[in-house]
N, C-alpha and C. Protein backbone atom coordinates (compact mmCIF):
# COMPACT_ATOMS: atom_id res chain seq x y z
N MET A 1 -7.43 10.29 -18.53
CA MET A 1 -7.97 9.59 -17.06
C MET A 1 -8.06 8.14 -17.22
N SER A 2 -7.98 7.37 -18.17
CA SER A 2 -7.82 5.79 -18.46
C SER A 2 -6.47 5.44 -18.14
N LEU A 3 -5.40 6.36 -18.54
CA LEU A 3 -4.16 6.17 -18.25
C LEU A 3 -4.05 5.91 -17.00
N LYS A 4 -4.48 6.76 -16.18
CA LYS A 4 -4.40 6.82 -14.53
C LYS A 4 -4.78 5.54 -13.91
N ILE A 5 -6.01 5.32 -14.60
CA ILE A 5 -6.48 4.24 -13.98
C ILE A 5 -5.65 2.69 -14.48
N ALA A 6 -5.38 2.57 -15.48
CA ALA A 6 -4.41 1.63 -15.98
C ALA A 6 -3.14 1.55 -15.12
N LEU A 7 -2.76 2.49 -14.53
CA LEU A 7 -1.39 2.28 -13.95
C LEU A 7 -1.78 2.10 -12.33
N VAL A 8 -2.79 2.57 -11.71
CA VAL A 8 -3.22 2.10 -10.67
C VAL A 8 -3.31 0.43 -10.47
N LEU A 9 -4.37 0.13 -11.71
CA LEU A 9 -4.77 -1.27 -11.68
C LEU A 9 -3.14 -2.24 -12.03
N ALA A 10 -2.20 -1.72 -12.58
CA ALA A 10 -0.87 -2.63 -12.76
C ALA A 10 -0.19 -2.44 -11.69
N SER A 11 -0.06 -1.34 -11.11
CA SER A 11 0.68 -1.46 -9.67
C SER A 11 -0.13 -2.66 -8.69
N VAL A 12 -1.44 -2.88 -8.40
CA VAL A 12 -2.26 -3.66 -7.74
C VAL A 12 -1.80 -4.94 -8.30
N LEU A 13 -1.93 -5.12 -9.48
CA LEU A 13 -1.94 -6.35 -10.11
C LEU A 13 -0.52 -7.32 -9.84
N SER A 14 0.54 -6.07 -9.97
CA SER A 14 1.82 -6.47 -10.29
C SER A 14 2.26 -7.31 -8.63
N THR A 15 1.83 -7.03 -7.51
CA THR A 15 2.09 -7.14 -6.27
C THR A 15 1.35 -8.45 -5.76
N ALA A 16 0.40 -8.85 -6.81
CA ALA A 16 -0.38 -9.90 -6.24
C ALA A 16 -0.05 -11.33 -6.48
N ASP A 17 1.42 -11.48 -5.93
CA ASP A 17 1.90 -12.88 -6.05
C ASP A 17 2.15 -13.60 -5.03
N PHE A 18 2.55 -14.58 -4.84
CA PHE A 18 2.91 -15.47 -3.39
C PHE A 18 3.68 -14.76 -2.46
N LEU A 19 3.56 -14.95 -1.37
CA LEU A 19 4.27 -14.27 -0.31
C LEU A 19 5.55 -15.02 -0.08
N LYS A 20 6.53 -14.17 0.39
CA LYS A 20 8.00 -14.56 0.70
C LYS A 20 8.23 -14.51 1.74
N CYS A 21 8.81 -15.61 2.41
CA CYS A 21 9.33 -15.77 3.97
C CYS A 21 10.62 -16.54 3.94
N TYR A 22 11.11 -15.90 5.08
CA TYR A 22 12.58 -16.60 5.41
C TYR A 22 12.02 -17.66 5.78
N ASN A 23 12.77 -19.11 5.48
CA ASN A 23 12.66 -20.16 5.88
C ASN A 23 14.05 -21.12 6.42
N CYS A 24 14.31 -21.00 7.70
CA CYS A 24 15.33 -21.43 8.13
C CYS A 24 15.10 -21.84 9.64
N ALA A 25 16.62 -22.10 10.28
CA ALA A 25 16.36 -22.73 11.68
C ALA A 25 17.86 -22.32 11.92
N GLY A 26 18.16 -21.67 13.02
CA GLY A 26 19.19 -21.67 13.63
C GLY A 26 19.49 -20.18 14.18
N ASP A 27 20.96 -19.85 14.26
CA ASP A 27 21.26 -18.52 15.05
C ASP A 27 21.49 -17.72 13.71
N GLN A 28 21.70 -18.16 12.77
CA GLN A 28 22.30 -17.15 11.50
C GLN A 28 21.07 -17.53 10.43
N CYS A 29 19.73 -16.95 10.65
CA CYS A 29 18.69 -17.41 10.12
C CYS A 29 18.19 -16.21 9.14
N THR A 30 18.72 -15.58 8.15
CA THR A 30 18.11 -14.54 7.17
C THR A 30 18.40 -14.79 5.80
N ASP A 31 18.88 -15.51 5.44
CA ASP A 31 19.87 -15.66 4.05
C ASP A 31 19.10 -16.60 3.43
N ASN A 32 17.70 -16.94 3.60
CA ASN A 32 17.24 -18.03 2.68
C ASN A 32 15.82 -17.84 2.52
N PRO A 33 15.34 -16.97 1.71
CA PRO A 33 14.00 -16.59 1.18
C PRO A 33 13.32 -17.58 0.67
N LEU A 34 11.92 -17.92 0.78
CA LEU A 34 11.46 -19.01 0.16
C LEU A 34 9.90 -18.41 -0.21
N THR A 35 9.76 -18.79 -1.51
CA THR A 35 8.13 -18.15 -2.02
C THR A 35 7.29 -19.21 -1.59
N CYS A 36 6.38 -18.72 -0.61
CA CYS A 36 5.47 -19.53 0.06
C CYS A 36 4.37 -20.34 -0.87
N PRO A 37 3.96 -21.85 -0.74
CA PRO A 37 2.74 -22.34 -1.51
C PRO A 37 1.63 -21.71 -1.44
N GLN A 38 0.73 -21.67 -2.12
CA GLN A 38 -0.66 -21.23 -2.20
C GLN A 38 -1.37 -21.72 -0.92
N GLY A 39 -1.70 -20.74 -0.32
CA GLY A 39 -2.74 -20.98 0.83
C GLY A 39 -1.82 -20.72 2.28
N PHE A 40 -0.78 -20.29 1.76
CA PHE A 40 0.28 -19.87 3.05
C PHE A 40 0.20 -18.56 3.00
N ASP A 41 -0.16 -17.80 3.81
CA ASP A 41 -0.44 -16.52 3.59
C ASP A 41 0.13 -15.56 4.88
N ARG A 42 0.81 -16.44 5.48
CA ARG A 42 1.70 -15.47 6.83
C ARG A 42 3.21 -15.97 6.93
N CYS A 43 3.91 -14.96 7.24
CA CYS A 43 5.16 -15.76 7.58
C CYS A 43 5.17 -15.78 9.35
N MET A 44 6.00 -16.87 9.50
CA MET A 44 6.24 -17.07 10.90
C MET A 44 7.53 -16.99 11.62
N ILE A 45 7.86 -16.35 12.98
CA ILE A 45 9.09 -16.51 13.55
C ILE A 45 8.97 -17.08 14.75
N SER A 46 9.75 -17.95 15.38
CA SER A 46 9.77 -18.26 16.68
C SER A 46 11.08 -18.13 17.15
N ASN A 47 11.53 -17.45 18.47
CA ASN A 47 12.68 -17.66 19.15
C ASN A 47 12.57 -18.12 20.46
N THR A 48 13.59 -19.14 20.50
CA THR A 48 13.68 -20.18 21.74
C THR A 48 15.15 -20.07 22.10
N ALA A 49 15.28 -20.62 23.24
CA ALA A 49 16.58 -20.99 23.95
C ALA A 49 17.58 -21.66 22.95
N VAL A 50 17.06 -22.53 22.07
CA VAL A 50 17.82 -23.10 21.32
C VAL A 50 18.09 -22.43 19.91
N GLY A 51 17.43 -21.34 19.55
CA GLY A 51 17.83 -20.57 18.20
C GLY A 51 16.40 -20.10 17.69
N THR A 52 16.34 -19.74 16.39
CA THR A 52 15.34 -19.03 15.89
C THR A 52 15.07 -19.88 14.58
N ALA A 53 13.54 -20.14 14.22
CA ALA A 53 12.97 -20.78 13.39
C ALA A 53 12.17 -19.68 12.41
N LYS A 54 12.17 -19.68 11.48
CA LYS A 54 11.58 -18.85 10.39
C LYS A 54 10.67 -19.89 9.22
N ALA A 55 9.38 -19.64 9.33
CA ALA A 55 8.66 -20.48 7.75
C ALA A 55 7.51 -19.63 7.60
N CYS A 56 7.16 -20.34 6.54
CA CYS A 56 5.61 -19.78 6.12
C CYS A 56 4.48 -20.44 6.81
N GLY A 57 3.47 -19.76 6.85
CA GLY A 57 2.41 -20.48 7.96
C GLY A 57 1.08 -19.96 7.17
N SER A 58 -0.04 -20.47 7.87
CA SER A 58 -1.40 -20.04 7.21
C SER A 58 -2.19 -19.10 8.32
N GLN A 59 -3.18 -18.59 8.28
CA GLN A 59 -3.64 -18.03 9.40
C GLN A 59 -4.39 -18.70 10.60
N ALA A 60 -4.78 -19.94 10.10
CA ALA A 60 -5.21 -20.85 11.09
C ALA A 60 -3.91 -21.37 11.87
N LEU A 61 -2.72 -21.89 11.26
CA LEU A 61 -1.73 -22.18 11.76
C LEU A 61 -1.33 -21.11 13.14
N CYS A 62 -1.05 -19.63 12.31
CA CYS A 62 -0.73 -18.67 13.30
C CYS A 62 -1.64 -18.65 14.54
N ASN A 63 -3.05 -18.82 14.10
CA ASN A 63 -3.95 -18.52 15.59
C ASN A 63 -3.27 -19.78 16.65
N VAL A 64 -3.42 -20.66 16.22
CA VAL A 64 -2.81 -21.98 17.10
C VAL A 64 -1.66 -21.61 17.66
N ALA A 65 -0.51 -21.28 16.67
CA ALA A 65 0.79 -21.19 17.36
C ALA A 65 1.13 -20.18 18.06
N GLN A 66 0.37 -18.85 18.18
CA GLN A 66 0.47 -17.90 19.08
C GLN A 66 0.22 -18.22 20.47
N GLN A 67 -0.16 -19.43 20.65
CA GLN A 67 -0.13 -19.89 22.32
C GLN A 67 1.10 -20.40 22.45
N LEU A 68 1.93 -20.64 21.56
CA LEU A 68 3.21 -21.33 21.57
C LEU A 68 4.36 -20.35 21.65
N LYS A 69 3.79 -18.86 21.49
CA LYS A 69 4.93 -17.78 21.55
C LYS A 69 5.65 -17.78 20.02
N VAL A 70 4.82 -17.79 18.97
CA VAL A 70 5.30 -17.87 17.45
C VAL A 70 4.58 -16.46 17.13
N ASN A 71 5.26 -15.88 16.58
CA ASN A 71 4.98 -14.41 16.10
C ASN A 71 4.65 -14.50 14.26
N CYS A 72 3.52 -14.08 13.85
CA CYS A 72 3.12 -14.35 12.43
C CYS A 72 2.80 -12.71 11.72
N CYS A 73 3.38 -12.55 10.61
CA CYS A 73 3.35 -11.23 9.74
C CYS A 73 2.56 -11.64 8.35
N GLU A 74 2.19 -10.49 7.60
CA GLU A 74 1.71 -11.13 6.48
C GLU A 74 2.53 -10.40 5.00
N GLU A 75 3.69 -9.70 5.23
CA GLU A 75 4.21 -8.89 4.07
C GLU A 75 5.71 -9.79 3.71
N ASP A 76 6.06 -9.64 2.59
CA ASP A 76 7.15 -10.32 2.16
C ASP A 76 8.35 -10.14 3.02
N LEU A 77 8.84 -11.21 3.32
CA LEU A 77 9.88 -11.11 4.23
C LEU A 77 10.05 -10.59 5.71
N CYS A 78 8.76 -10.55 6.19
CA CYS A 78 8.39 -9.50 7.27
C CYS A 78 9.09 -10.51 8.60
N ASN A 79 9.39 -11.79 8.30
CA ASN A 79 10.03 -12.58 9.34
C ASN A 79 11.60 -12.34 9.47
N GLY A 80 12.07 -11.31 8.87
CA GLY A 80 13.40 -11.00 8.93
C GLY A 80 13.97 -10.31 10.02
N ALA A 81 14.98 -9.34 9.59
CA ALA A 81 15.51 -8.49 10.59
C ALA A 81 15.15 -7.19 10.41
N GLY A 82 13.86 -6.94 10.30
CA GLY A 82 13.29 -5.65 9.92
C GLY A 82 13.56 -4.85 8.77
N THR A 83 13.25 -5.72 7.97
CA THR A 83 13.36 -5.15 6.45
C THR A 83 12.18 -4.35 5.90
N ILE A 84 12.12 -3.17 5.29
CA ILE A 84 11.17 -2.71 4.66
C ILE A 84 10.49 -3.46 3.36
N GLY A 85 9.36 -3.53 3.54
CA GLY A 85 8.95 -4.28 2.43
C GLY A 85 8.87 -3.72 1.14
N LYS A 86 9.45 -4.45 0.18
CA LYS A 86 9.30 -3.64 -1.48
C LYS A 86 8.12 -3.50 -1.97
N ASN A 87 7.10 -4.18 -1.79
CA ASN A 87 5.79 -3.66 -2.15
C ASN A 87 5.43 -2.31 -1.82
N LEU A 88 5.80 -1.94 -0.89
CA LEU A 88 5.44 -0.19 -0.26
C LEU A 88 6.26 0.51 -1.59
N LEU A 89 7.40 0.38 -1.91
CA LEU A 89 8.07 0.84 -3.19
C LEU A 89 7.28 0.85 -4.18
N LEU A 90 7.02 -0.44 -4.63
CA LEU A 90 6.34 -0.88 -6.00
C LEU A 90 4.92 -0.02 -6.25
N LEU A 91 4.25 0.25 -5.09
CA LEU A 91 2.92 0.79 -4.97
C LEU A 91 3.20 2.32 -5.08
N LEU A 92 4.40 2.73 -4.34
CA LEU A 92 4.57 4.33 -4.49
C LEU A 92 4.70 4.72 -5.81
N VAL A 93 5.60 4.15 -6.72
CA VAL A 93 6.14 4.59 -7.98
C VAL A 93 5.01 4.82 -8.92
N PRO A 94 3.86 4.01 -9.02
CA PRO A 94 2.90 4.36 -9.83
C PRO A 94 2.07 5.48 -9.22
N VAL A 95 1.70 5.57 -8.08
CA VAL A 95 1.00 6.30 -7.30
C VAL A 95 1.73 8.09 -7.60
N ALA A 96 2.99 7.96 -7.50
CA ALA A 96 3.86 9.10 -7.70
C ALA A 96 3.49 9.57 -9.36
N SER A 97 3.62 8.89 -10.03
CA SER A 97 3.65 8.88 -11.44
C SER A 97 2.03 9.45 -12.02
N ILE A 98 0.83 9.24 -11.18
CA ILE A 98 -0.05 9.79 -11.46
C ILE A 98 -0.32 11.28 -11.43
N PHE A 99 0.50 11.52 -10.50
CA PHE A 99 0.81 13.10 -9.96
C PHE A 99 1.69 13.74 -11.01
N VAL A 100 2.51 13.11 -11.29
CA VAL A 100 3.71 13.74 -12.53
C VAL A 100 2.77 13.89 -13.58
N LEU A 101 1.88 12.83 -14.09
CA LEU A 101 1.23 13.05 -15.32
C LEU A 101 0.11 13.75 -15.56
N SER A 102 -0.31 14.28 -14.10
CA SER A 102 -1.42 14.93 -14.10
C SER A 102 -1.16 16.65 -14.63
């Protein structure tokens, strides 16, 4: 039983790092991931007539920026072009191992 608890705790703690967002401006804007500084818990994306801008942001900044047609999200690289978050896979592997070890 303690092995199961340890696996679950390890999976949760292993994903508790800083958020990663794309940080760029222009038309070709998906190749520059950045680890956001502490306090920046959102990824932002803005599409305008002059191009796309992507960056790290905070909840407070997103609350203001939504009035300016800026979208915010809360998962690694979620301001990219429809990528599946790797954290989902990191959480599924230990959970699956619990069932295998049972």
